[in-house]
Amino acid sequence: MENLRPWKGRGADKAGHQAYENWSGLRNGQKVQKVAKMTPVLRIAALTIVFALGGCTMFVCHPVTVTVANKKELARLETVPGAIRTSETGRLEEDVRQSTTVREYWVQARDDAWHRVSAEQFRAAEVGRELELCE
């Protein structure tokens, strides 16, 4: 037992036998593979990369050509709450709410499916003509 040392991975087993390893990587006559452990920082980084690359598939453009059957522009009033601030007396006050008009542009295809488009695409779309969309 001159080149054997106690194995640091585990102390004595249930029977009370001490595990040993030698410089050649053998433990009690069996080959031991040392596995590198992944630190929590590396795990988080690896998971972040996996989810980031998986999330990018949502933003990939799938070009679709539709024949415009109808066009529709919708406008709605959207009220944005004002900022909350502290007055000179220490009271919380809300600034005036601001209302803005939000416009949505829609194009109906011949198969009765509605597609939301940008303002530029809406202006370029003509009934009966083809329009290339990104879905």
C-alpha atoms as a PDB file:
ATOM      1  CA  MET A   1       0.000   0.000   0.000  1.00  0.00           C
ATOM      2  CA  GLU A   2       2.922   2.318  -0.573  1.00  0.00           C
ATOM      3  CA  ASN A   3       1.389   4.268  -3.471  1.00  0.00           C
ATOM      4  CA  LEU A   4      -2.214   4.150  -2.228  1.00  0.00           C
ATOM      5  CA  ARG A   5      -3.949   7.028  -0.511  1.00  0.00           C
ATOM      6  CA  PRO A   6      -7.471   7.283   0.978  1.00  0.00           C
ATOM      7  CA  TRP A   7     -10.029   8.116  -1.674  1.00  0.00           C
ATOM      8  CA  LYS A   8     -11.410  11.600  -1.018  1.00  0.00           C
ATOM      9  CA  GLY A   9     -14.684  11.023  -2.822  1.00  0.00           C
ATOM     10  CA  ARG A  10     -16.070   8.721  -0.145  1.00  0.00           C
ATOM     11  CA  GLY A  11     -14.882   7.531   3.238  1.00  0.00           C
ATOM     12  CA  ALA A  12     -15.474   4.038   4.482  1.00  0.00           C
ATOM     13  CA  ASP A  13     -18.281   2.010   2.946  1.00  0.00           C
ATOM     14  CA  LYS A  14     -21.109   0.406   4.960  1.00  0.00           C
ATOM     15  CA  ALA A  15     -18.942  -2.569   5.860  1.00  0.00           C
ATOM     16  CA  GLY A  16     -16.265  -0.264   7.268  1.00  0.00           C
ATOM     17  CA  HIS A  17     -13.747  -0.816   4.472  1.00  0.00           C
ATOM     18  CA  GLN A  18     -11.778   2.275   3.521  1.00  0.00           C
ATOM     19  CA  ALA A  19     -11.664   3.039  -0.198  1.00  0.00           C
ATOM     20  CA  TYR A  20      -8.230   3.746  -1.656  1.00  0.00           C
ATOM     21  CA  GLU A  21      -6.999   5.076  -4.955  1.00  0.00           C
ATOM     22  CA  ASN A  22      -3.535   4.982  -6.388  1.00  0.00           C
ATOM     23  CA  TRP A  23      -1.776   7.391  -8.688  1.00  0.00           C
ATOM     24  CA  SER A  24      -2.855   5.412 -11.763  1.00  0.00           C
ATOM     25  CA  GLY A  25      -6.550   6.162 -11.139  1.00  0.00           C
ATOM     26  CA  LEU A  26      -7.480   2.765  -9.733  1.00  0.00           C
ATOM     27  CA  ARG A  27      -9.700   2.501  -6.675  1.00  0.00           C
ATOM     28  CA  ASN A  28      -9.690  -0.902  -4.993  1.00  0.00           C
ATOM     29  CA  GLY A  29      -8.622  -2.388  -8.311  1.00  0.00           C
ATOM     30  CA  GLN A  30     -11.374  -0.683 -10.348  1.00  0.00           C
ATOM     31  CA  LYS A  31     -10.765   2.125 -12.827  1.00  0.00           C
ATOM     32  CA  VAL A  32     -12.088   5.479 -11.599  1.00  0.00           C
ATOM     33  CA  GLN A  33     -13.242   8.130 -14.047  1.00  0.00           C
ATOM     34  CA  LYS A  34     -13.082  11.636 -12.731  1.00  0.00           C
ATOM     35  CA  VAL A  35     -16.014  13.685 -14.006  1.00  0.00           C
ATOM     36  CA  ALA A  36     -15.771  17.450 -14.138  1.00  0.00           C
ATOM     37  CA  LYS A  37     -18.647  19.018 -12.247  1.00  0.00           C
ATOM     38  CA  MET A  38     -20.532  21.892 -13.804  1.00  0.00           C
ATOM     39  CA  THR A  39     -20.650  24.924 -11.543  1.00  0.00           C
ATOM     40  CA  PRO A  40     -23.983  26.709 -11.032  1.00  0.00           C
ATOM     41  CA  VAL A  41     -22.729  29.676 -13.066  1.00  0.00           C
ATOM     42  CA  LEU A  42     -21.969  27.416 -16.030  1.00  0.00           C
ATOM     43  CA  ARG A  43     -25.367  25.729 -15.694  1.00  0.00           C
ATOM     44  CA  ILE A  44     -27.153  29.080 -15.762  1.00  0.00           C
ATOM     45  CA  ALA A  45     -25.104  30.224 -18.744  1.00  0.00           C
ATOM     46  CA  ALA A  46     -25.816  27.004 -20.641  1.00  0.00           C
ATOM     47  CA  LEU A  47     -29.556  27.178 -19.929  1.00  0.00           C
ATOM     48  CA  THR A  48     -29.656  30.849 -20.927  1.00  0.00           C
ATOM     49  CA  ILE A  49     -28.058  30.052 -24.272  1.00  0.00           C
ATOM     50  CA  VAL A  50     -30.448  27.153 -24.895  1.00  0.00           C
ATOM     51  CA  PHE A  51     -33.552  29.224 -24.108  1.00  0.00           C
ATOM     52  CA  ALA A  52     -32.281  32.274 -26.007  1.00  0.00           C
ATOM     53  CA  LEU A  53     -31.677  30.255 -29.153  1.00  0.00           C
ATOM     54  CA  GLY A  54     -35.027  28.526 -28.775  1.00  0.00           C
ATOM     55  CA  GLY A  55     -36.801  31.854 -28.316  1.00  0.00           C
ATOM     56  CA  CYS A  56     -35.367  33.260 -31.543  1.00  0.00           C
ATOM     57  CA  THR A  57     -37.482  30.876 -33.587  1.00  0.00           C
ATOM     58  CA  MET A  58     -40.531  32.983 -32.759  1.00  0.00           C
ATOM     59  CA  PHE A  59     -39.066  35.930 -34.688  1.00  0.00           C
ATOM     60  CA  VAL A  60     -38.244  34.065 -37.872  1.00  0.00           C
ATOM     61  CA  CYS A  61     -40.145  35.306 -40.907  1.00  0.00           C
ATOM     62  CA  HIS A  62     -42.201  32.769 -42.836  1.00  0.00           C
ATOM     63  CA  PRO A  63     -43.193  34.600 -46.055  1.00  0.00           C
ATOM     64  CA  VAL A  64     -46.788  34.061 -47.129  1.00  0.00           C
ATOM     65  CA  THR A  65     -48.411  35.491 -50.237  1.00  0.00           C
ATOM     66  CA  VAL A  66     -52.134  36.262 -49.918  1.00  0.00           C
ATOM     67  CA  THR A  67     -54.650  37.742 -52.310  1.00  0.00           C
ATOM     68  CA  VAL A  68     -56.298  40.735 -50.652  1.00  0.00           C
ATOM     69  CA  ALA A  69     -60.084  40.432 -50.446  1.00  0.00           C
ATOM     70  CA  ASN A  70     -60.732  43.254 -47.968  1.00  0.00           C
ATOM     71  CA  LYS A  71     -58.916  45.914 -45.925  1.00  0.00           C
ATOM     72  CA  LYS A  72     -59.822  47.260 -42.511  1.00  0.00           C
ATOM     73  CA  GLU A  73     -58.334  50.008 -40.345  1.00  0.00           C
ATOM     74  CA  LEU A  74     -59.249  50.050 -36.659  1.00  0.00           C
ATOM     75  CA  ALA A  75     -58.604  52.894 -34.235  1.00  0.00           C
ATOM     76  CA  ARG A  76     -58.964  52.720 -30.488  1.00  0.00           C
ATOM     77  CA  LEU A  77     -58.292  55.136 -27.674  1.00  0.00           C
ATOM     78  CA  GLU A  78     -55.668  53.926 -25.221  1.00  0.00           C
ATOM     79  CA  THR A  79     -55.193  55.690 -21.909  1.00  0.00           C
ATOM     80  CA  VAL A  80     -51.771  55.524 -20.339  1.00  0.00           C
ATOM     81  CA  PRO A  81     -51.608  56.177 -16.598  1.00  0.00           C
ATOM     82  CA  GLY A  82     -49.612  59.181 -15.541  1.00  0.00           C
ATOM     83  CA  ALA A  83     -46.408  58.981 -13.568  1.00  0.00           C
ATOM     84  CA  ILE A  84     -46.644  58.840  -9.779  1.00  0.00           C
ATOM     85  CA  ARG A  85     -44.581  61.419  -7.972  1.00  0.00           C
ATOM     86  CA  THR A  86     -44.194  62.824  -4.487  1.00  0.00           C
ATOM     87  CA  SER A  87     -45.516  66.344  -3.931  1.00  0.00           C
ATOM     88  CA  GLU A  88     -43.816  69.041  -1.869  1.00  0.00           C
ATOM     89  CA  THR A  89     -45.914  68.003   1.140  1.00  0.00           C
ATOM     90  CA  GLY A  90     -44.887  64.326   0.834  1.00  0.00           C
ATOM     91  CA  ARG A  91     -48.128  63.044  -0.649  1.00  0.00           C
ATOM     92  CA  LEU A  92     -48.197  60.663  -3.611  1.00  0.00           C
ATOM     93  CA  GLU A  93     -49.838  62.248  -6.641  1.00  0.00           C
ATOM     94  CA  GLU A  94     -50.568  60.906 -10.091  1.00  0.00           C
ATOM     95  CA  ASP A  95     -49.837  63.080 -13.107  1.00  0.00           C
ATOM     96  CA  VAL A  96     -52.521  63.578 -15.710  1.00  0.00           C
ATOM     97  CA  ARG A  97     -53.358  60.449 -17.689  1.00  0.00           C
ATOM     98  CA  GLN A  98     -52.548  60.660 -21.365  1.00  0.00           C
ATOM     99  CA  SER A  99     -54.791  59.290 -24.096  1.00  0.00           C
ATOM    100  CA  THR A 100     -53.417  58.268 -27.454  1.00  0.00           C
ATOM    101  CA  THR A 101     -55.019  56.806 -30.560  1.00  0.00           C
ATOM    102  CA  VAL A 102     -53.703  53.380 -31.507  1.00  0.00           C
ATOM    103  CA  ARG A 103     -54.269  52.261 -35.078  1.00  0.00           C
ATOM    104  CA  GLU A 104     -54.353  48.671 -36.281  1.00  0.00           C
ATOM    105  CA  TYR A 105     -54.276  47.648 -39.925  1.00  0.00           C
ATOM    106  CA  TRP A 106     -55.815  44.384 -41.119  1.00  0.00           C
ATOM    107  CA  VAL A 107     -55.995  42.633 -44.485  1.00  0.00           C
ATOM    108  CA  GLN A 108     -58.427  39.826 -45.257  1.00  0.00           C
ATOM    109  CA  ALA A 109     -57.287  37.045 -47.578  1.00  0.00           C
ATOM    110  CA  ARG A 110     -59.525  35.125 -49.979  1.00  0.00           C
ATOM    111  CA  ASP A 111     -59.745  32.251 -47.474  1.00  0.00           C
ATOM    112  CA  ASP A 112     -61.428  34.667 -44.977  1.00  0.00           C
ATOM    113  CA  ALA A 113     -58.342  34.779 -42.712  1.00  0.00           C
ATOM    114  CA  TRP A 114     -57.456  38.213 -41.324  1.00  0.00           C
ATOM    115  CA  HIS A 115     -53.791  39.232 -41.119  1.00  0.00           C
ATOM    116  CA  ARG A 116     -52.449  42.186 -39.151  1.00  0.00           C
ATOM    117  CA  VAL A 117     -50.079  44.296 -41.274  1.00  0.00           C
ATOM    118  CA  SER A 118     -47.979  47.419 -40.887  1.00  0.00           C
ATOM    119  CA  ALA A 119     -49.164  50.845 -42.034  1.00  0.00           C
ATOM    120  CA  GLU A 120     -46.870  50.690 -45.086  1.00  0.00           C
ATOM    121  CA  GLN A 121     -48.202  47.277 -46.125  1.00  0.00           C
ATOM    122  CA  PHE A 122     -51.771  48.505 -45.608  1.00  0.00           C
ATOM    123  CA  ARG A 123     -51.199  51.503 -47.889  1.00  0.00           C
ATOM    124  CA  ALA A 124     -49.595  49.286 -50.556  1.00  0.00           C
ATOM    125  CA  ALA A 125     -52.348  46.630 -50.406  1.00  0.00           C
ATOM    126  CA  GLU A 126     -55.001  46.717 -53.101  1.00  0.00           C
ATOM    127  CA  VAL A 127     -58.124  44.547 -53.229  1.00  0.00           C
ATOM    128  CA  GLY A 128     -57.681  41.730 -55.729  1.00  0.00           C
ATOM    129  CA  ARG A 129     -53.881  41.957 -55.741  1.00  0.00           C
ATOM    130  CA  GLU A 130     -51.331  39.748 -54.032  1.00  0.00           C
ATOM    131  CA  LEU A 131     -49.501  40.902 -50.923  1.00  0.00           C
ATOM    132  CA  GLU A 132     -46.487  39.223 -49.342  1.00  0.00           C
ATOM    133  CA  LEU A 133     -46.714  38.946 -45.560  1.00  0.00           C
ATOM    134  CA  CYS A 134     -44.375  37.743 -42.858  1.00  0.00           C
ATOM    135  CA  GLU A 135     -45.869  35.260 -40.392  1.00  0.00           C
END
